[in-house]
């Protein structure tokens, strides 16, 4: 039997859990450094909330899980000589 497209998507990842594991590492390090927020400039996180494009299902699930856990999530955007963008997570 051939692999269905839904099965292929599930296998290919990354899943919301994969994204959350990476984000949690950033949060943990910032919290250990006595910070109340973290800017995640890594791809693909930095561009998740930029522009009018709808997020794919897995990034949306990850953001929803962060919000459900009490975090505030938004886009950090600063223009100077270059544009600085990041996913900002506050607690």
PDB file of N, CA and C in Angstrom:
ATOM      1  N   UNK A   1       0.843  -1.178   0.000  1.00  0.00           N
ATOM      2  CA  UNK A   1       0.000   0.000   0.000  1.00  0.00           C
ATOM      3  C   UNK A   1       0.888   1.241   0.000  1.00  0.00           C
ATOM      4  N   UNK A   2       0.494   2.240  -0.754  1.00  0.00           N
ATOM      5  CA  UNK A   2       1.278   3.474  -0.866  1.00  0.00           C
ATOM      6  C   UNK A   2       1.056   4.368   0.361  1.00  0.00           C
ATOM      7  N   UNK A   3       2.093   5.050   0.719  1.00  0.00           N
ATOM      8  CA  UNK A   3       2.061   6.005   1.824  1.00  0.00           C
ATOM      9  C   UNK A   3       1.151   7.162   1.433  1.00  0.00           C
ATOM     10  N   UNK A   4       0.225   7.534   2.302  1.00  0.00           N
ATOM     11  CA  UNK A   4      -0.664   8.655   1.985  1.00  0.00           C
ATOM     12  C   UNK A   4       0.060   9.982   2.240  1.00  0.00           C
ATOM     13  N   UNK A   5      -0.467  11.031   1.674  1.00  0.00           N
ATOM     14  CA  UNK A   5       0.128  12.352   1.864  1.00  0.00           C
ATOM     15  C   UNK A   5       0.097  12.742   3.347  1.00  0.00           C
ATOM     16  N   UNK A   6      -0.995  12.431   4.034  1.00  0.00           N
ATOM     17  CA  UNK A   6      -1.093  12.749   5.469  1.00  0.00           C
ATOM     18  C   UNK A   6      -0.018  12.007   6.265  1.00  0.00           C
ATOM     19  N   UNK A   7       0.219  10.749   5.923  1.00  0.00           N
ATOM     20  CA  UNK A   7       1.260   9.978   6.605  1.00  0.00           C
ATOM     21  C   UNK A   7       2.641  10.566   6.320  1.00  0.00           C
ATOM     22  N   UNK A   8       2.876  10.967   5.084  1.00  0.00           N
ATOM     23  CA  UNK A   8       4.161  11.553   4.717  1.00  0.00           C
ATOM     24  C   UNK A   8       4.406  12.856   5.479  1.00  0.00           C
ATOM     25  N   UNK A   9       3.359  13.689   5.618  1.00  0.00           N
ATOM     26  CA  UNK A   9       3.492  14.936   6.378  1.00  0.00           C
ATOM     27  C   UNK A   9       3.821  14.652   7.835  1.00  0.00           C
ATOM     28  N   UNK A  10       3.176  13.655   8.400  1.00  0.00           N
ATOM     29  CA  UNK A  10       3.407  13.302   9.801  1.00  0.00           C
ATOM     30  C   UNK A  10       4.836  12.824  10.029  1.00  0.00           C
ATOM     31  N   UNK A  11       5.362  12.060   9.088  1.00  0.00           N
ATOM     32  CA  UNK A  11       6.715  11.523   9.199  1.00  0.00           C
ATOM     33  C   UNK A  11       7.753  12.622   8.988  1.00  0.00           C
ATOM     34  N   UNK A  12       7.499  13.515   8.022  1.00  0.00           N
ATOM     35  CA  UNK A  12       8.515  14.466   7.585  1.00  0.00           C
ATOM     36  C   UNK A  12       8.845  15.528   8.621  1.00  0.00           C
ATOM     37  N   UNK A  13       7.865  15.920   9.436  1.00  0.00           N
ATOM     38  CA  UNK A  13       8.126  16.905  10.482  1.00  0.00           C
ATOM     39  C   UNK A  13       8.634  18.217   9.910  1.00  0.00           C
ATOM     40  N   UNK A  14       9.146  19.130  10.670  1.00  0.00           N
ATOM     41  CA  UNK A  14       9.154  19.027  12.124  1.00  0.00           C
ATOM     42  C   UNK A  14       7.760  19.213  12.702  1.00  0.00           C
ATOM     43  N   UNK A  15       7.527  18.562  13.815  1.00  0.00           N
ATOM     44  CA  UNK A  15       6.222  18.643  14.477  1.00  0.00           C
ATOM     45  C   UNK A  15       6.220  19.800  15.470  1.00  0.00           C
ATOM     46  N   UNK A  16       5.052  20.101  15.984  1.00  0.00           N
ATOM     47  CA  UNK A  16       4.940  21.144  17.005  1.00  0.00           C
ATOM     48  C   UNK A  16       5.810  20.783  18.208  1.00  0.00           C
ATOM     49  N   UNK A  17       5.864  19.506  18.537  1.00  0.00           N
ATOM     50  CA  UNK A  17       6.685  19.054  19.666  1.00  0.00           C
ATOM     51  C   UNK A  17       8.167  19.309  19.399  1.00  0.00           C
ATOM     52  N   UNK A  18       8.597  19.106  18.151  1.00  0.00           N
ATOM     53  CA  UNK A  18       9.995  19.395  17.788  1.00  0.00           C
ATOM     54  C   UNK A  18      10.295  20.885  17.974  1.00  0.00           C
ATOM     55  N   UNK A  19       9.394  21.723  17.473  1.00  0.00           N
ATOM     56  CA  UNK A  19       9.566  23.162  17.618  1.00  0.00           C
ATOM     57  C   UNK A  19       9.591  23.562  19.093  1.00  0.00           C
ATOM     58  N   UNK A  20       8.660  23.012  19.878  1.00  0.00           N
ATOM     59  CA  UNK A  20       8.576  23.364  21.292  1.00  0.00           C
ATOM     60  C   UNK A  20       9.821  22.938  22.063  1.00  0.00           C
ATOM     61  N   UNK A  21      10.407  21.823  21.690  1.00  0.00           N
ATOM     62  CA  UNK A  21      11.635  21.375  22.363  1.00  0.00           C
ATOM     63  C   UNK A  21      12.755  22.391  22.161  1.00  0.00           C
ATOM     64  N   UNK A  22      12.874  22.915  20.949  1.00  0.00           N
ATOM     65  CA  UNK A  22      13.898  23.925  20.661  1.00  0.00           C
ATOM     66  C   UNK A  22      13.595  25.228  21.394  1.00  0.00           C
ATOM     67  N   UNK A  23      12.345  25.655  21.348  1.00  0.00           N
ATOM     68  CA  UNK A  23      11.955  26.890  22.020  1.00  0.00           C
ATOM     69  C   UNK A  23      12.169  26.763  23.529  1.00  0.00           C
ATOM     70  N   UNK A  24      11.856  25.610  24.091  1.00  0.00           N
ATOM     71  CA  UNK A  24      12.033  25.404  25.523  1.00  0.00           C
ATOM     72  C   UNK A  24      13.501  25.555  25.932  1.00  0.00           C
ATOM     73  N   UNK A  25      14.405  25.104  25.101  1.00  0.00           N
ATOM     74  CA  UNK A  25      15.836  25.269  25.391  1.00  0.00           C
ATOM     75  C   UNK A  25      16.191  26.751  25.502  1.00  0.00           C
ATOM     76  N   UNK A  26      15.660  27.557  24.587  1.00  0.00           N
ATOM     77  CA  UNK A  26      15.905  29.006  24.624  1.00  0.00           C
ATOM     78  C   UNK A  26      15.301  29.633  25.884  1.00  0.00           C
ATOM     79  N   UNK A  27      14.075  29.230  26.220  1.00  0.00           N
ATOM     80  CA  UNK A  27      13.393  29.765  27.399  1.00  0.00           C
ATOM     81  C   UNK A  27      14.168  29.391  28.661  1.00  0.00           C
ATOM     82  N   UNK A  28      14.550  28.140  28.764  1.00  0.00           N
ATOM     83  CA  UNK A  28      15.261  27.663  29.955  1.00  0.00           C
ATOM     84  C   UNK A  28      16.569  28.438  30.165  1.00  0.00           C
ATOM     85  N   UNK A  29      17.322  28.628  29.084  1.00  0.00           N
ATOM     86  CA  UNK A  29      18.597  29.344  29.200  1.00  0.00           C
ATOM     87  C   UNK A  29      18.365  30.789  29.634  1.00  0.00           C
ATOM     88  N   UNK A  30      17.385  31.446  29.030  1.00  0.00           N
ATOM     89  CA  UNK A  30      17.088  32.831  29.402  1.00  0.00           C
ATOM     90  C   UNK A  30      16.615  32.916  30.856  1.00  0.00           C
ATOM     91  N   UNK A  31      15.764  31.998  31.282  1.00  0.00           N
ATOM     92  CA  UNK A  31      15.265  31.999  32.657  1.00  0.00           C
ATOM     93  C   UNK A  31      16.406  31.771  33.648  1.00  0.00           C
ATOM     94  N   UNK A  32      17.319  30.873  33.303  1.00  0.00           N
ATOM     95  CA  UNK A  32      18.480  30.630  34.170  1.00  0.00           C
ATOM     96  C   UNK A  32      19.378  31.859  34.263  1.00  0.00           C
ATOM     97  N   UNK A  33      19.356  32.696  33.221  1.00  0.00           N
ATOM     98  CA  UNK A  33      20.112  33.952  33.216  1.00  0.00           C
ATOM     99  C   UNK A  33      19.316  35.094  33.847  1.00  0.00           C
ATOM    100  N   UNK A  34      18.195  34.743  34.507  1.00  0.00           N
ATOM    101  CA  UNK A  34      17.337  35.704  35.229  1.00  0.00           C
ATOM    102  C   UNK A  34      16.649  36.702  34.310  1.00  0.00           C
ATOM    103  N   UNK A  35      16.352  36.294  33.087  1.00  0.00           N
ATOM    104  CA  UNK A  35      15.638  37.150  32.134  1.00  0.00           C
ATOM    105  C   UNK A  35      14.155  36.809  32.163  1.00  0.00           C
ATOM    106  N   UNK A  36      13.332  37.717  31.675  1.00  0.00           N
ATOM    107  CA  UNK A  36      11.880  37.549  31.622  1.00  0.00           C
ATOM    108  C   UNK A  36      11.346  37.407  30.209  1.00  0.00           C
ATOM    109  N   UNK A  37      12.260  37.370  29.239  1.00  0.00           N
ATOM    110  CA  UNK A  37      11.869  37.165  27.845  1.00  0.00           C
ATOM    111  C   UNK A  37      13.060  36.644  27.078  1.00  0.00           C
ATOM    112  N   UNK A  38      12.760  36.084  25.924  1.00  0.00           N
ATOM    113  CA  UNK A  38      13.829  35.603  25.053  1.00  0.00           C
ATOM    114  C   UNK A  38      13.467  35.972  23.618  1.00  0.00           C
ATOM    115  N   UNK A  39      14.477  36.364  22.863  1.00  0.00           N
ATOM    116  CA  UNK A  39      14.314  36.626  21.434  1.00  0.00           C
ATOM    117  C   UNK A  39      14.943  35.460  20.689  1.00  0.00           C
ATOM    118  N   UNK A  40      14.147  34.792  19.880  1.00  0.00           N
ATOM    119  CA  UNK A  40      14.643  33.640  19.128  1.00  0.00           C
ATOM    120  C   UNK A  40      14.790  34.079  17.673  1.00  0.00           C
ATOM    121  N   UNK A  41      16.030  34.265  17.272  1.00  0.00           N
ATOM    122  CA  UNK A  41      16.314  34.762  15.918  1.00  0.00           C
ATOM    123  C   UNK A  41      16.579  33.629  14.942  1.00  0.00           C
ATOM    124  N   UNK A  42      16.618  32.415  15.433  1.00  0.00           N
ATOM    125  CA  UNK A  42      16.871  31.257  14.570  1.00  0.00           C
ATOM    126  C   UNK A  42      15.727  31.076  13.582  1.00  0.00           C
ATOM    127  N   UNK A  43      16.061  30.504  12.440  1.00  0.00           N
ATOM    128  CA  UNK A  43      15.030  30.130  11.467  1.00  0.00           C
ATOM    129  C   UNK A  43      14.483  28.767  11.840  1.00  0.00           C
ATOM    130  N   UNK A  44      13.233  28.522  11.640  1.00  0.00           N
ATOM    131  CA  UNK A  44      12.214  29.352  10.990  1.00  0.00           C
ATOM    132  C   UNK A  44      11.476  30.272  11.954  1.00  0.00           C
ATOM    133  N   UNK A  45      11.813  30.214  13.241  1.00  0.00           N
ATOM    134  CA  UNK A  45      11.045  30.915  14.272  1.00  0.00           C
ATOM    135  C   UNK A  45      10.950  32.418  14.040  1.00  0.00           C
ATOM    136  N   UNK A  46      12.033  33.046  13.625  1.00  0.00           N
ATOM    137  CA  UNK A  46      12.083  34.504  13.498  1.00  0.00           C
ATOM    138  C   UNK A  46      11.037  35.055  12.537  1.00  0.00           C
ATOM    139  N   UNK A  47      10.628  34.283  11.572  1.00  0.00           N
ATOM    140  CA  UNK A  47       9.686  34.775  10.561  1.00  0.00           C
ATOM    141  C   UNK A  47       8.256  34.258  10.734  1.00  0.00           C
ATOM    142  N   UNK A  48       8.000  33.519  11.776  1.00  0.00           N
ATOM    143  CA  UNK A  48       6.666  32.941  11.961  1.00  0.00           C
ATOM    144  C   UNK A  48       5.570  33.996  11.993  1.00  0.00           C
ATOM    145  N   UNK A  49       5.769  35.094  12.670  1.00  0.00           N
ATOM    146  CA  UNK A  49       4.703  36.081  12.849  1.00  0.00           C
ATOM    147  C   UNK A  49       4.870  37.305  11.963  1.00  0.00           C
ATOM    148  N   UNK A  50       5.782  37.248  11.002  1.00  0.00           N
ATOM    149  CA  UNK A  50       6.024  38.370  10.105  1.00  0.00           C
ATOM    150  C   UNK A  50       5.119  38.276   8.889  1.00  0.00           C
ATOM    151  N   UNK A  51       4.506  39.368   8.531  1.00  0.00           N
ATOM    152  CA  UNK A  51       3.694  39.411   7.321  1.00  0.00           C
ATOM    153  C   UNK A  51       2.297  38.877   7.541  1.00  0.00           C
ATOM    154  N   UNK A  52       1.583  38.805   6.461  1.00  0.00           N
ATOM    155  CA  UNK A  52       0.175  38.418   6.528  1.00  0.00           C
ATOM    156  C   UNK A  52      -0.053  36.950   6.190  1.00  0.00           C
ATOM    157  N   UNK A  53       1.001  36.210   5.968  1.00  0.00           N
ATOM    158  CA  UNK A  53       0.834  34.803   5.621  1.00  0.00           C
ATOM    159  C   UNK A  53       0.327  33.998   6.814  1.00  0.00           C
ATOM    160  N   UNK A  54      -0.566  33.074   6.538  1.00  0.00           N
ATOM    161  CA  UNK A  54      -1.048  32.167   7.578  1.00  0.00           C
ATOM    162  C   UNK A  54       0.059  31.199   7.948  1.00  0.00           C
ATOM    163  N   UNK A  55       0.159  30.915   9.221  1.00  0.00           N
ATOM    164  CA  UNK A  55       1.139  29.929   9.677  1.00  0.00           C
ATOM    165  C   UNK A  55       0.685  28.530   9.305  1.00  0.00           C
ATOM    166  N   UNK A  56       1.640  27.673   9.045  1.00  0.00           N
ATOM    167  CA  UNK A  56       1.337  26.263   8.823  1.00  0.00           C
ATOM    168  C   UNK A  56       0.817  25.674  10.133  1.00  0.00           C
ATOM    169  N   UNK A  57       0.254  24.495  10.062  1.00  0.00           N
ATOM    170  CA  UNK A  57      -0.400  23.887  11.227  1.00  0.00           C
ATOM    171  C   UNK A  57       0.544  23.670  12.401  1.00  0.00           C
ATOM    172  N   UNK A  58       1.721  23.133  12.163  1.00  0.00           N
ATOM    173  CA  UNK A  58       2.623  22.796  13.268  1.00  0.00           C
ATOM    174  C   UNK A  58       3.168  24.031  13.990  1.00  0.00           C
ATOM    175  N   UNK A  59       3.626  25.070  13.274  1.00  0.00           N
ATOM    176  CA  UNK A  59       4.018  26.291  13.994  1.00  0.00           C
ATOM    177  C   UNK A  59       2.849  26.909  14.773  1.00  0.00           C
ATOM    178  N   UNK A  60       1.654  26.878  14.212  1.00  0.00           N
ATOM    179  CA  UNK A  60       0.480  27.418  14.902  1.00  0.00           C
ATOM    180  C   UNK A  60       0.225  26.637  16.189  1.00  0.00           C
ATOM    181  N   UNK A  61       0.336  25.307  16.122  1.00  0.00           N
ATOM    182  CA  UNK A  61       0.150  24.480  17.328  1.00  0.00           C
ATOM    183  C   UNK A  61       1.189  24.830  18.383  1.00  0.00           C
ATOM    184  N   UNK A  62       2.427  25.059  17.967  1.00  0.00           N
ATOM    185  CA  UNK A  62       3.495  25.392  18.911  1.00  0.00           C
ATOM    186  C   UNK A  62       3.198  26.729  19.597  1.00  0.00           C
ATOM    187  N   UNK A  63       2.792  27.728  18.838  1.00  0.00           N
ATOM    188  CA  UNK A  63       2.473  29.034  19.410  1.00  0.00           C
ATOM    189  C   UNK A  63       1.270  28.927  20.343  1.00  0.00           C
ATOM    190  N   UNK A  64       0.265  28.192  19.938  1.00  0.00           N
ATOM    191  CA  UNK A  64      -0.913  28.006  20.786  1.00  0.00           C
ATOM    192  C   UNK A  64      -0.543  27.309  22.096  1.00  0.00           C
ATOM    193  N   UNK A  65       0.359  26.335  22.031  1.00  0.00           N
ATOM    194  CA  UNK A  65       0.798  25.633  23.240  1.00  0.00           C
ATOM    195  C   UNK A  65       1.557  26.567  24.171  1.00  0.00           C
ATOM    196  N   UNK A  66       2.390  27.449  23.608  1.00  0.00           N
ATOM    197  CA  UNK A  66       3.102  28.420  24.429  1.00  0.00           C
ATOM    198  C   UNK A  66       2.125  29.360  25.132  1.00  0.00           C
ATOM    199  N   UNK A  67       1.146  29.847  24.395  1.00  0.00           N
ATOM    200  CA  UNK A  67       0.153  30.747  24.976  1.00  0.00           C
ATOM    201  C   UNK A  67      -0.663  30.034  26.051  1.00  0.00           C
ATOM    202  N   UNK A  68      -1.010  28.783  25.808  1.00  0.00           N
ATOM    203  CA  UNK A  68      -1.770  28.000  26.791  1.00  0.00           C
ATOM    204  C   UNK A  68      -0.962  27.786  28.069  1.00  0.00           C
ATOM    205  N   UNK A  69       0.365  27.778  27.944  1.00  0.00           N
ATOM    206  CA  UNK A  69       1.235  27.598  29.107  1.00  0.00           C
ATOM    207  C   UNK A  69       1.518  28.925  29.814  1.00  0.00           C
ATOM    208  N   UNK A  70       0.900  30.020  29.343  1.00  0.00           N
ATOM    209  CA  UNK A  70       1.026  31.303  30.023  1.00  0.00           C
ATOM    210  C   UNK A  70       2.038  32.267  29.435  1.00  0.00           C
ATOM    211  N   UNK A  71       2.658  31.902  28.332  1.00  0.00           N
ATOM    212  CA  UNK A  71       3.638  32.783  27.695  1.00  0.00           C
ATOM    213  C   UNK A  71       2.945  33.777  26.782  1.00  0.00           C
ATOM    214  N   UNK A  72       3.547  34.956  26.627  1.00  0.00           N
ATOM    215  CA  UNK A  72       3.121  35.932  25.627  1.00  0.00           C
ATOM    216  C   UNK A  72       4.082  35.770  24.451  1.00  0.00           C
ATOM    217  N   UNK A  73       3.536  35.680  23.260  1.00  0.00           N
ATOM    218  CA  UNK A  73       4.351  35.434  22.066  1.00  0.00           C
ATOM    219  C   UNK A  73       4.024  36.506  21.040  1.00  0.00           C
ATOM    220  N   UNK A  74       5.075  37.166  20.530  1.00  0.00           N
ATOM    221  CA  UNK A  74       4.860  38.156  19.484  1.00  0.00           C
ATOM    222  C   UNK A  74       6.114  38.283  18.620  1.00  0.00           C
ATOM    223  N   UNK A  75       6.009  39.169  17.646  1.00  0.00           N
ATOM    224  CA  UNK A  75       7.117  39.433  16.733  1.00  0.00           C
ATOM    225  C   UNK A  75       7.944  40.585  17.259  1.00  0.00           C
ATOM    226  N   UNK A  76       9.239  40.385  17.397  1.00  0.00           N
ATOM    227  CA  UNK A  76      10.165  41.476  17.680  1.00  0.00           C
ATOM    228  C   UNK A  76      10.659  41.954  16.326  1.00  0.00           C
ATOM    229  N   UNK A  77      10.521  43.260  16.055  1.00  0.00           N
ATOM    230  CA  UNK A  77      10.911  43.821  14.759  1.00  0.00           C
ATOM    231  C   UNK A  77      11.522  45.184  15.005  1.00  0.00           C
ATOM    232  N   UNK A  78      12.769  45.359  14.560  1.00  0.00           N
ATOM    233  CA  UNK A  78      13.454  46.637  14.746  1.00  0.00           C
ATOM    234  C   UNK A  78      14.241  46.957  13.481  1.00  0.00           C
ATOM    235  N   UNK A  79      13.990  48.150  12.943  1.00  0.00           N
ATOM    236  CA  UNK A  79      14.715  48.601  11.763  1.00  0.00           C
ATOM    237  C   UNK A  79      15.805  49.573  12.176  1.00  0.00           C
ATOM    238  N   UNK A  80      16.984  49.342  11.658  1.00  0.00           N
ATOM    239  CA  UNK A  80      18.087  50.293  11.776  1.00  0.00           C
ATOM    240  C   UNK A  80      18.834  50.185  10.449  1.00  0.00           C
ATOM    241  N   UNK A  81      20.130  50.004  10.477  1.00  0.00           N
ATOM    242  CA  UNK A  81      20.831  49.776   9.214  1.00  0.00           C
ATOM    243  C   UNK A  81      20.365  48.458   8.599  1.00  0.00           C
ATOM    244  N   UNK A  82      20.071  47.523   9.460  1.00  0.00           N
ATOM    245  CA  UNK A  82      19.531  46.227   9.049  1.00  0.00           C
ATOM    246  C   UNK A  82      18.250  45.979   9.837  1.00  0.00           C
ATOM    247  N   UNK A  83      17.458  45.038   9.382  1.00  0.00           N
ATOM    248  CA  UNK A  83      16.239  44.673  10.101  1.00  0.00           C
ATOM    249  C   UNK A  83      16.562  43.534  11.058  1.00  0.00           C
ATOM    250  N   UNK A  84      16.133  43.694  12.294  1.00  0.00           N
ATOM    251  CA  UNK A  84      16.312  42.672  13.313  1.00  0.00           C
ATOM    252  C   UNK A  84      14.931  42.096  13.617  1.00  0.00           C
ATOM    253  N   UNK A  85      14.752  40.797  13.366  1.00  0.00           N
ATOM    254  CA  UNK A  85      13.471  40.138  13.610  1.00  0.00           C
ATOM    255  C   UNK A  85      13.704  38.905  14.465  1.00  0.00           C
ATOM    256  N   UNK A  86      12.729  38.657  15.330  1.00  0.00           N
ATOM    257  CA  UNK A  86      12.808  37.479  16.186  1.00  0.00           C
ATOM    258  C   UNK A  86      11.425  37.114  16.683  1.00  0.00           C
ATOM    259  N   UNK A  87      11.285  35.872  17.095  1.00  0.00           N
ATOM    260  CA  UNK A  87      10.102  35.452  17.833  1.00  0.00           C
ATOM    261  C   UNK A  87      10.387  35.798  19.292  1.00  0.00           C
ATOM    262  N   UNK A  88       9.534  36.654  19.885  1.00  0.00           N
ATOM    263  CA  UNK A  88       9.733  37.064  21.274  1.00  0.00           C
ATOM    264  C   UNK A  88       8.776  36.269  22.156  1.00  0.00           C
ATOM    265  N   UNK A  89       9.331  35.644  23.190  1.00  0.00           N
ATOM    266  CA  UNK A  89       8.533  34.895  24.161  1.00  0.00           C
ATOM    267  C   UNK A  89       8.786  35.528  25.519  1.00  0.00           C
ATOM    268  N   UNK A  90       7.691  35.953  26.185  1.00  0.00           N
ATOM    269  CA  UNK A  90       7.778  36.612  27.492  1.00  0.00           C
ATOM    270  C   UNK A  90       7.064  35.766  28.535  1.00  0.00           C
ATOM    271  N   UNK A  91       7.546  35.888  29.790  1.00  0.00           N
ATOM    272  CA  UNK A  91       6.883  35.201  30.897  1.00  0.00           C
ATOM    273  C   UNK A  91       6.892  36.056  32.143  1.00  0.00           C
TER     274      UNK A  91
END
